[in-house]
Amino acid sequence: MVFLRYGTNEEYSSTLKPILSPSILDHLINNDRKLPPEYNLPHTYVEMQSLQMAAFLFTVCHVVIVVQDWFTDINLYRFLQTAEMLKPSTPSASHDSAGSSGSEEGSEYYPHIVFLQNKAKRDDFCPRNLKKMHMTMDKLMAHSHLKYKGTLSMLDCNIFPGLGRDYLETEVNLFLLPQLENEGEDALTRGGPGSTPCFPCSLVTGDTPAFLAGPSYQAARPGPAMSRCQLSHTILTEKNWFHYAARIWDGVKKSSALSEYSRLLS
């Protein structure tokens, strides 16, 4: 899930195919799809496709929402940091020094990243386990320049009424969503007519979907750093953003760093 904001009232969100997906690799092998000449192995091709897309998103998006079922896969963080290393170098339009870990980021642009766990179990909501999850993720992302802190807080919801804001000393952008009892469409729309199941977007926009609305569960509010993030030195309209994204994608496909990394995987 990615989220873009062109201006004060213009927003765009989109979902992507799973990264490093075994089903995509299986489809590639079983359908005898011919690989590009620069790739010798199917799994290398799938991994490089995922890295290209992630590096692209880290350059053209305001927010990248990483959705995972359970906590957690160490390979996911290795993948994110590899994509961060290989992303195109782009200057940031805003000199916001509030980085992911509080250090200076220079002029390089990095997006906000939010981790959404969408099949959280009852034990995951135990304050002690919640604190351990945040500490683990903070250590795994400690050397990343991605803005993985300060975008949202689960403590802004009513599901932890007894916890103070200082309970999570190393709070990251993590949100737990319990698995719905009914997986059908009715489970997503039981809030009433006109409700929307697009919960990940509500983490960024602050709009609570109807199926989670109520006194016992409210969507987290985005942090103040969200509005200060610009992708380029000029304000991008929808048309300008597509031109900008096309240039970045062309640069990603021709990236010497990605090509060299692909050769190392072969």
C-alpha atoms as a PDB file:
ATOM      1  CA  MET A   1       0.000   0.000   0.000  1.00  0.00           C
ATOM      2  CA  VAL A   2       1.347   3.413  -0.957  1.00  0.00           C
ATOM      3  CA  PHE A   3      -0.046   6.856  -0.236  1.00  0.00           C
ATOM      4  CA  LEU A   4       0.577  10.157  -2.001  1.00  0.00           C
ATOM      5  CA  ARG A   5      -0.608  13.666  -1.281  1.00  0.00           C
ATOM      6  CA  TYR A   6      -0.408  16.161  -4.152  1.00  0.00           C
ATOM      7  CA  GLY A   7      -1.775  19.113  -2.241  1.00  0.00           C
ATOM      8  CA  THR A   8      -4.060  19.915   0.640  1.00  0.00           C
ATOM      9  CA  ASN A   9      -7.070  18.157  -0.884  1.00  0.00           C
ATOM     10  CA  GLU A  10      -5.619  15.813  -3.505  1.00  0.00           C
ATOM     11  CA  GLU A  11      -4.647  12.311  -2.455  1.00  0.00           C
ATOM     12  CA  TYR A  12      -3.818   9.048  -4.175  1.00  0.00           C
ATOM     13  CA  SER A  13      -3.389   5.555  -2.803  1.00  0.00           C
ATOM     14  CA  SER A  14      -2.668   2.213  -4.413  1.00  0.00           C
ATOM     15  CA  THR A  15      -1.926  -1.393  -3.518  1.00  0.00           C
ATOM     16  CA  LEU A  16       0.818  -3.517  -5.048  1.00  0.00           C
ATOM     17  CA  LYS A  17       1.439  -7.210  -5.543  1.00  0.00           C
ATOM     18  CA  PRO A  18       3.237  -9.001  -2.679  1.00  0.00           C
ATOM     19  CA  ILE A  19       7.000  -8.617  -2.560  1.00  0.00           C
ATOM     20  CA  LEU A  20       9.149 -11.750  -2.813  1.00  0.00           C
ATOM     21  CA  SER A  21       5.962 -13.741  -3.340  1.00  0.00           C
ATOM     22  CA  PRO A  22       6.335 -17.543  -3.715  1.00  0.00           C
ATOM     23  CA  SER A  23       3.094 -17.613  -5.723  1.00  0.00           C
ATOM     24  CA  ILE A  24       4.549 -15.193  -8.276  1.00  0.00           C
ATOM     25  CA  LEU A  25       7.700 -17.315  -8.496  1.00  0.00           C
ATOM     26  CA  ASP A  26       5.595 -20.462  -8.905  1.00  0.00           C
ATOM     27  CA  HIS A  27       3.555 -18.821 -11.661  1.00  0.00           C
ATOM     28  CA  LEU A  28       6.742 -17.727 -13.406  1.00  0.00           C
ATOM     29  CA  ILE A  29       8.229 -21.229 -13.337  1.00  0.00           C
ATOM     30  CA  ASN A  30       5.115 -23.247 -14.174  1.00  0.00           C
ATOM     31  CA  ASN A  31       4.089 -21.026 -17.067  1.00  0.00           C
ATOM     32  CA  ASP A  32       7.552 -21.328 -18.586  1.00  0.00           C
ATOM     33  CA  ARG A  33       7.847 -17.581 -18.928  1.00  0.00           C
ATOM     34  CA  LYS A  34      11.029 -16.545 -20.672  1.00  0.00           C
ATOM     35  CA  LEU A  35      13.341 -14.513 -18.465  1.00  0.00           C
ATOM     36  CA  PRO A  36      15.101 -11.357 -19.638  1.00  0.00           C
ATOM     37  CA  PRO A  37      18.657 -12.123 -20.805  1.00  0.00           C
ATOM     38  CA  GLU A  38      20.254 -10.409 -17.797  1.00  0.00           C
ATOM     39  CA  TYR A  39      18.644 -12.884 -15.363  1.00  0.00           C
ATOM     40  CA  ASN A  40      19.703 -16.518 -15.106  1.00  0.00           C
ATOM     41  CA  LEU A  41      17.421 -17.712 -12.306  1.00  0.00           C
ATOM     42  CA  PRO A  42      13.686 -17.117 -11.721  1.00  0.00           C
ATOM     43  CA  HIS A  43      14.071 -16.251  -8.022  1.00  0.00           C
ATOM     44  CA  THR A  44      16.684 -13.615  -8.883  1.00  0.00           C
ATOM     45  CA  TYR A  45      14.291 -12.073 -11.390  1.00  0.00           C
ATOM     46  CA  VAL A  46      11.433 -11.969  -8.847  1.00  0.00           C
ATOM     47  CA  GLU A  47      13.657 -10.472  -6.141  1.00  0.00           C
ATOM     48  CA  MET A  48      15.009  -7.789  -8.461  1.00  0.00           C
ATOM     49  CA  GLN A  49      11.493  -6.897  -9.601  1.00  0.00           C
ATOM     50  CA  SER A  50      10.507  -6.431  -5.949  1.00  0.00           C
ATOM     51  CA  LEU A  51      13.612  -4.367  -5.206  1.00  0.00           C
ATOM     52  CA  GLN A  52      13.042  -2.147  -8.234  1.00  0.00           C
ATOM     53  CA  MET A  53       9.471  -1.462  -7.161  1.00  0.00           C
ATOM     54  CA  ALA A  54      10.446  -0.789  -3.537  1.00  0.00           C
ATOM     55  CA  ALA A  55      13.280   1.547  -4.548  1.00  0.00           C
ATOM     56  CA  PHE A  56      10.856   3.366  -6.843  1.00  0.00           C
ATOM     57  CA  LEU A  57       8.238   3.742  -4.100  1.00  0.00           C
ATOM     58  CA  PHE A  58      10.813   5.021  -1.614  1.00  0.00           C
ATOM     59  CA  THR A  59      11.529   7.830  -4.078  1.00  0.00           C
ATOM     60  CA  VAL A  60       8.081   8.929  -5.291  1.00  0.00           C
ATOM     61  CA  CYS A  61       5.770   8.264  -2.320  1.00  0.00           C
ATOM     62  CA  HIS A  62       5.008  10.198   0.829  1.00  0.00           C
ATOM     63  CA  VAL A  63       4.014   7.108   2.812  1.00  0.00           C
ATOM     64  CA  VAL A  64       4.684   3.419   2.240  1.00  0.00           C
ATOM     65  CA  ILE A  65       2.509   1.066   4.296  1.00  0.00           C
ATOM     66  CA  VAL A  66       4.052  -2.373   4.750  1.00  0.00           C
ATOM     67  CA  VAL A  67       1.349  -4.949   5.439  1.00  0.00           C
ATOM     68  CA  GLN A  68       2.313  -8.226   7.081  1.00  0.00           C
ATOM     69  CA  ASP A  69       0.175 -10.951   8.608  1.00  0.00           C
ATOM     70  CA  TRP A  70       2.165 -11.680  11.748  1.00  0.00           C
ATOM     71  CA  PHE A  71       5.133 -10.423  13.722  1.00  0.00           C
ATOM     72  CA  THR A  72       7.654 -10.649  12.103  1.00  0.00           C
ATOM     73  CA  ASP A  73      10.018 -11.790   9.325  1.00  0.00           C
ATOM     74  CA  ILE A  74      13.657 -10.706   9.569  1.00  0.00           C
ATOM     75  CA  ASN A  75      13.974 -11.016   5.783  1.00  0.00           C
ATOM     76  CA  LEU A  76      11.434  -8.221   5.386  1.00  0.00           C
ATOM     77  CA  TYR A  77      13.724  -5.727   7.127  1.00  0.00           C
ATOM     78  CA  ARG A  78      16.719  -6.889   5.120  1.00  0.00           C
ATOM     79  CA  PHE A  79      14.699  -6.347   1.969  1.00  0.00           C
ATOM     80  CA  LEU A  80      13.579  -2.849   3.022  1.00  0.00           C
ATOM     81  CA  GLN A  81      17.111  -1.780   3.895  1.00  0.00           C
ATOM     82  CA  THR A  82      18.459  -3.188   0.623  1.00  0.00           C
ATOM     83  CA  ALA A  83      15.829  -1.247  -1.317  1.00  0.00           C
ATOM     84  CA  GLU A  84      16.699   1.867   0.680  1.00  0.00           C
ATOM     85  CA  MET A  85      20.372   1.409  -0.197  1.00  0.00           C
ATOM     86  CA  LEU A  86      19.570   1.001  -3.902  1.00  0.00           C
ATOM     87  CA  LYS A  87      16.992   3.790  -4.239  1.00  0.00           C
ATOM     88  CA  PRO A  88      17.815   6.631  -6.630  1.00  0.00           C
ATOM     89  CA  SER A  89      19.476   9.617  -5.033  1.00  0.00           C
ATOM     90  CA  THR A  90      17.015  12.497  -4.963  1.00  0.00           C
ATOM     91  CA  PRO A  91      17.290  15.810  -3.106  1.00  0.00           C
ATOM     92  CA  SER A  92      14.607  16.584  -0.571  1.00  0.00           C
ATOM     93  CA  ALA A  93      12.595  19.748  -1.079  1.00  0.00           C
ATOM     94  CA  SER A  94      12.068  20.249   2.645  1.00  0.00           C
ATOM     95  CA  HIS A  95      14.996  20.350   5.023  1.00  0.00           C
ATOM     96  CA  ASP A  96      13.200  18.567   7.828  1.00  0.00           C
ATOM     97  CA  SER A  97      15.903  17.248  10.121  1.00  0.00           C
ATOM     98  CA  ALA A  98      13.545  15.089  12.193  1.00  0.00           C
ATOM     99  CA  GLY A  99      14.708  11.781  10.813  1.00  0.00           C
ATOM    100  CA  SER A 100      13.790   8.223  11.586  1.00  0.00           C
ATOM    101  CA  SER A 101      16.090   7.961  14.576  1.00  0.00           C
ATOM    102  CA  GLY A 102      16.454  11.650  15.326  1.00  0.00           C
ATOM    103  CA  SER A 103      19.653  12.112  13.311  1.00  0.00           C
ATOM    104  CA  GLU A 104      20.406  14.437  10.419  1.00  0.00           C
ATOM    105  CA  GLU A 105      19.420  13.096   7.004  1.00  0.00           C
ATOM    106  CA  GLY A 106      21.075  15.733   4.862  1.00  0.00           C
ATOM    107  CA  SER A 107      19.153  16.650   1.736  1.00  0.00           C
ATOM    108  CA  GLU A 108      18.217  13.118   0.666  1.00  0.00           C
ATOM    109  CA  TYR A 109      14.496  12.371   0.476  1.00  0.00           C
ATOM    110  CA  TYR A 110      13.059   9.445   2.442  1.00  0.00           C
ATOM    111  CA  PRO A 111       9.364   8.609   2.874  1.00  0.00           C
ATOM    112  CA  HIS A 112       7.406   7.745   5.977  1.00  0.00           C
ATOM    113  CA  ILE A 113       6.998   4.005   6.460  1.00  0.00           C
ATOM    114  CA  VAL A 114       4.176   2.410   8.440  1.00  0.00           C
ATOM    115  CA  PHE A 115       4.003  -1.247   9.471  1.00  0.00           C
ATOM    116  CA  LEU A 116       0.525  -2.750   9.582  1.00  0.00           C
ATOM    117  CA  GLN A 117       0.019  -6.179  11.121  1.00  0.00           C
ATOM    118  CA  ASN A 118      -3.383  -7.288   9.879  1.00  0.00           C
ATOM    119  CA  LYS A 119      -3.798 -10.651  11.630  1.00  0.00           C
ATOM    120  CA  ALA A 120      -2.836  -9.683  15.151  1.00  0.00           C
ATOM    121  CA  LYS A 121      -3.690 -12.175  17.887  1.00  0.00           C
ATOM    122  CA  ARG A 122      -5.029 -11.467  21.346  1.00  0.00           C
ATOM    123  CA  ASP A 123      -1.571 -11.804  22.915  1.00  0.00           C
ATOM    124  CA  ASP A 124      -0.197  -9.133  20.581  1.00  0.00           C
ATOM    125  CA  PHE A 125      -2.320  -6.535  22.366  1.00  0.00           C
ATOM    126  CA  CYS A 126      -0.748  -7.329  25.730  1.00  0.00           C
ATOM    127  CA  PRO A 127       1.156  -4.143  26.733  1.00  0.00           C
ATOM    128  CA  ARG A 128       4.286  -6.138  27.559  1.00  0.00           C
ATOM    129  CA  ASN A 129       4.294  -7.879  24.165  1.00  0.00           C
ATOM    130  CA  LEU A 130       3.472  -4.617  22.404  1.00  0.00           C
ATOM    131  CA  LYS A 131       6.494  -2.982  24.019  1.00  0.00           C
ATOM    132  CA  LYS A 132       8.741  -5.873  22.955  1.00  0.00           C
ATOM    133  CA  MET A 133       7.534  -5.586  19.358  1.00  0.00           C
ATOM    134  CA  HIS A 134       8.317  -1.882  19.240  1.00  0.00           C
ATOM    135  CA  MET A 135      11.757  -2.402  20.779  1.00  0.00           C
ATOM    136  CA  THR A 136      12.572  -5.185  18.301  1.00  0.00           C
ATOM    137  CA  MET A 137      11.510  -3.165  15.274  1.00  0.00           C
ATOM    138  CA  ASP A 138      13.368  -0.104  16.513  1.00  0.00           C
ATOM    139  CA  LYS A 139      16.596  -2.113  16.750  1.00  0.00           C
ATOM    140  CA  LEU A 140      16.072  -3.651  13.308  1.00  0.00           C
ATOM    141  CA  MET A 141      15.470  -0.227  11.724  1.00  0.00           C
ATOM    142  CA  ALA A 142      18.010   1.696  13.806  1.00  0.00           C
ATOM    143  CA  HIS A 143      20.353   2.364  10.876  1.00  0.00           C
ATOM    144  CA  SER A 144      17.600   3.189   8.394  1.00  0.00           C
ATOM    145  CA  HIS A 145      16.871   6.711   7.152  1.00  0.00           C
ATOM    146  CA  LEU A 146      13.256   5.795   6.426  1.00  0.00           C
ATOM    147  CA  LYS A 147      10.931   7.760   8.691  1.00  0.00           C
ATOM    148  CA  TYR A 148       9.672   4.863  10.760  1.00  0.00           C
ATOM    149  CA  LYS A 149       8.865   6.933  13.868  1.00  0.00           C
ATOM    150  CA  GLY A 150       6.491   9.751  14.690  1.00  0.00           C
ATOM    151  CA  THR A 151       3.899   9.201  11.954  1.00  0.00           C
ATOM    152  CA  LEU A 152       1.205   7.556  14.069  1.00  0.00           C
ATOM    153  CA  SER A 153       0.725   6.101  17.522  1.00  0.00           C
ATOM    154  CA  MET A 154      -1.418   3.232  18.742  1.00  0.00           C
ATOM    155  CA  LEU A 155      -1.598   5.017  22.072  1.00  0.00           C
ATOM    156  CA  ASP A 156      -3.874   7.593  20.423  1.00  0.00           C
ATOM    157  CA  CYS A 157      -6.553   4.893  20.203  1.00  0.00           C
ATOM    158  CA  ASN A 158      -8.900   3.865  22.971  1.00  0.00           C
ATOM    159  CA  ILE A 159      -7.685   0.264  23.028  1.00  0.00           C
ATOM    160  CA  PHE A 160      -4.961   1.064  25.595  1.00  0.00           C
ATOM    161  CA  PRO A 161      -6.752   3.469  27.964  1.00  0.00           C
ATOM    162  CA  GLY A 162      -4.419   2.781  30.892  1.00  0.00           C
ATOM    163  CA  LEU A 163      -1.131   3.390  29.091  1.00  0.00           C
ATOM    164  CA  GLY A 164       0.600   6.746  29.121  1.00  0.00           C
ATOM    165  CA  ARG A 165       2.389   8.224  26.122  1.00  0.00           C
ATOM    166  CA  ASP A 166       5.750   7.468  27.746  1.00  0.00           C
ATOM    167  CA  TYR A 167       5.087   3.716  28.032  1.00  0.00           C
ATOM    168  CA  LEU A 168       6.539   2.970  24.588  1.00  0.00           C
ATOM    169  CA  GLU A 169       9.966   4.570  24.868  1.00  0.00           C
ATOM    170  CA  THR A 170      10.957   3.385  21.384  1.00  0.00           C
ATOM    171  CA  GLU A 171       7.598   3.647  19.621  1.00  0.00           C
ATOM    172  CA  VAL A 172       7.670   3.002  15.879  1.00  0.00           C
ATOM    173  CA  ASN A 173       4.992   3.349  13.206  1.00  0.00           C
ATOM    174  CA  LEU A 174       3.334   0.031  13.992  1.00  0.00           C
ATOM    175  CA  PHE A 175      -0.393  -0.597  14.008  1.00  0.00           C
ATOM    176  CA  LEU A 176      -2.064  -3.871  14.960  1.00  0.00           C
ATOM    177  CA  LEU A 177      -5.302  -4.873  13.302  1.00  0.00           C
ATOM    178  CA  PRO A 178      -7.041  -7.989  14.664  1.00  0.00           C
ATOM    179  CA  GLN A 179      -8.270 -10.581  12.229  1.00  0.00           C
ATOM    180  CA  LEU A 180     -12.003 -10.173  11.660  1.00  0.00           C
ATOM    181  CA  GLU A 181     -14.164 -13.094  12.712  1.00  0.00           C
ATOM    182  CA  ASN A 182     -16.042 -13.024   9.407  1.00  0.00           C
ATOM    183  CA  GLU A 183     -13.819 -12.777   6.359  1.00  0.00           C
ATOM    184  CA  GLY A 184     -16.707 -11.949   4.051  1.00  0.00           C
ATOM    185  CA  GLU A 185     -17.628  -8.588   2.634  1.00  0.00           C
ATOM    186  CA  ASP A 186     -20.220  -8.051   5.366  1.00  0.00           C
ATOM    187  CA  ALA A 187     -17.451  -7.922   7.967  1.00  0.00           C
ATOM    188  CA  LEU A 188     -15.907  -4.897   6.275  1.00  0.00           C
ATOM    189  CA  THR A 189     -19.125  -2.986   5.817  1.00  0.00           C
ATOM    190  CA  ARG A 190     -21.002  -3.709   9.008  1.00  0.00           C
ATOM    191  CA  GLY A 191     -20.506  -0.077   9.993  1.00  0.00           C
ATOM    192  CA  GLY A 192     -23.382   0.843   7.702  1.00  0.00           C
ATOM    193  CA  PRO A 193     -24.031   2.080   4.166  1.00  0.00           C
ATOM    194  CA  GLY A 194     -21.257   4.105   2.611  1.00  0.00           C
ATOM    195  CA  SER A 195     -18.549   2.735   4.886  1.00  0.00           C
ATOM    196  CA  THR A 196     -15.117   2.009   3.469  1.00  0.00           C
ATOM    197  CA  PRO A 197     -12.808  -0.922   4.275  1.00  0.00           C
ATOM    198  CA  CYS A 198      -9.675   0.995   3.297  1.00  0.00           C
ATOM    199  CA  PHE A 199      -8.223   1.010   6.806  1.00  0.00           C
ATOM    200  CA  PRO A 200      -4.525   1.487   5.904  1.00  0.00           C
ATOM    201  CA  CYS A 201      -5.311   4.818   4.247  1.00  0.00           C
ATOM    202  CA  SER A 202      -7.145   5.935   7.385  1.00  0.00           C
ATOM    203  CA  LEU A 203      -3.890   5.589   9.311  1.00  0.00           C
ATOM    204  CA  VAL A 204      -2.495   8.409   7.209  1.00  0.00           C
ATOM    205  CA  THR A 205      -5.543  10.544   6.459  1.00  0.00           C
ATOM    206  CA  GLY A 206      -7.036  10.267   9.937  1.00  0.00           C
ATOM    207  CA  ASP A 207     -10.430   9.150   8.570  1.00  0.00           C
ATOM    208  CA  THR A 208     -11.716   6.237  10.619  1.00  0.00           C
ATOM    209  CA  PRO A 209     -13.464   3.536   8.553  1.00  0.00           C
ATOM    210  CA  ALA A 210     -16.982   2.806   9.709  1.00  0.00           C
ATOM    211  CA  PHE A 211     -16.323  -0.816  10.604  1.00  0.00           C
ATOM    212  CA  LEU A 212     -13.815   0.343  13.241  1.00  0.00           C
ATOM    213  CA  ALA A 213     -15.607   3.498  14.306  1.00  0.00           C
ATOM    214  CA  GLY A 214     -16.931   3.719  17.818  1.00  0.00           C
ATOM    215  CA  PRO A 215     -15.856   4.486  21.367  1.00  0.00           C
ATOM    216  CA  SER A 216     -13.771   1.307  21.727  1.00  0.00           C
ATOM    217  CA  TYR A 217     -11.583   1.545  18.611  1.00  0.00           C
ATOM    218  CA  GLN A 218     -10.468   4.681  16.813  1.00  0.00           C
ATOM    219  CA  ALA A 219      -7.929   5.078  14.043  1.00  0.00           C
ATOM    220  CA  ALA A 220      -4.594   6.562  14.979  1.00  0.00           C
ATOM    221  CA  ARG A 221      -4.045  10.167  14.028  1.00  0.00           C
ATOM    222  CA  PRO A 222      -1.108  11.046  11.784  1.00  0.00           C
ATOM    223  CA  GLY A 223       1.796  12.935  13.268  1.00  0.00           C
ATOM    224  CA  PRO A 224       2.561  16.586  12.480  1.00  0.00           C
ATOM    225  CA  ALA A 225       5.571  15.665  10.304  1.00  0.00           C
ATOM    226  CA  MET A 226       3.280  14.331   7.585  1.00  0.00           C
ATOM    227  CA  SER A 227       2.330  17.720   6.162  1.00  0.00           C
ATOM    228  CA  ARG A 228       5.940  18.945   5.812  1.00  0.00           C
ATOM    229  CA  CYS A 229       7.040  16.279   3.356  1.00  0.00           C
ATOM    230  CA  GLN A 230       7.563  17.266  -0.304  1.00  0.00           C
ATOM    231  CA  LEU A 231       8.851  15.076  -3.109  1.00  0.00           C
ATOM    232  CA  SER A 232      10.456  17.798  -5.196  1.00  0.00           C
ATOM    233  CA  HIS A 233      11.303  21.491  -5.142  1.00  0.00           C
ATOM    234  CA  THR A 234       8.003  22.326  -6.834  1.00  0.00           C
ATOM    235  CA  ILE A 235       4.489  21.504  -5.688  1.00  0.00           C
ATOM    236  CA  LEU A 236       3.382  18.479  -7.674  1.00  0.00           C
ATOM    237  CA  THR A 237      -0.025  18.253  -9.272  1.00  0.00           C
ATOM    238  CA  GLU A 238      -1.356  14.858 -10.315  1.00  0.00           C
ATOM    239  CA  LYS A 239      -0.083  15.336 -13.873  1.00  0.00           C
ATOM    240  CA  ASN A 240       3.329  16.561 -12.739  1.00  0.00           C
ATOM    241  CA  TRP A 241       3.672  13.678 -10.316  1.00  0.00           C
ATOM    242  CA  PHE A 242       3.095  11.113 -13.076  1.00  0.00           C
ATOM    243  CA  HIS A 243       5.800  12.771 -15.187  1.00  0.00           C
ATOM    244  CA  TYR A 244       8.119  12.827 -12.175  1.00  0.00           C
ATOM    245  CA  ALA A 245       7.364   9.173 -11.371  1.00  0.00           C
ATOM    246  CA  ALA A 246       7.990   8.147 -14.989  1.00  0.00           C
ATOM    247  CA  ARG A 247      11.443   9.749 -14.898  1.00  0.00           C
ATOM    248  CA  ILE A 248      12.262   8.042 -11.605  1.00  0.00           C
ATOM    249  CA  TRP A 249      11.067   4.633 -12.867  1.00  0.00           C
ATOM    250  CA  ASP A 250      13.187   5.008 -15.988  1.00  0.00           C
ATOM    251  CA  GLY A 251      16.154   5.806 -13.760  1.00  0.00           C
ATOM    252  CA  VAL A 252      15.464   2.765 -11.575  1.00  0.00           C
ATOM    253  CA  LYS A 253      15.409   0.425 -14.575  1.00  0.00           C
ATOM    254  CA  LYS A 254      18.724   1.860 -15.802  1.00  0.00           C
ATOM    255  CA  SER A 255      20.316   2.013 -12.343  1.00  0.00           C
ATOM    256  CA  SER A 256      23.901   0.770 -12.288  1.00  0.00           C
ATOM    257  CA  ALA A 257      23.598  -0.016  -8.571  1.00  0.00           C
ATOM    258  CA  LEU A 258      20.627  -2.319  -9.149  1.00  0.00           C
ATOM    259  CA  SER A 259      22.365  -3.950 -12.104  1.00  0.00           C
ATOM    260  CA  GLU A 260      25.467  -4.622 -10.034  1.00  0.00           C
ATOM    261  CA  TYR A 261      23.388  -6.028  -7.180  1.00  0.00           C
ATOM    262  CA  SER A 262      21.614  -8.311  -9.648  1.00  0.00           C
ATOM    263  CA  ARG A 263      24.968  -9.675 -10.812  1.00  0.00           C
ATOM    264  CA  LEU A 264      25.927 -10.385  -7.205  1.00  0.00           C
ATOM    265  CA  LEU A 265      22.747 -12.443  -6.758  1.00  0.00           C
ATOM    266  CA  SER A 266      23.401 -14.533  -9.869  1.00  0.00           C
END
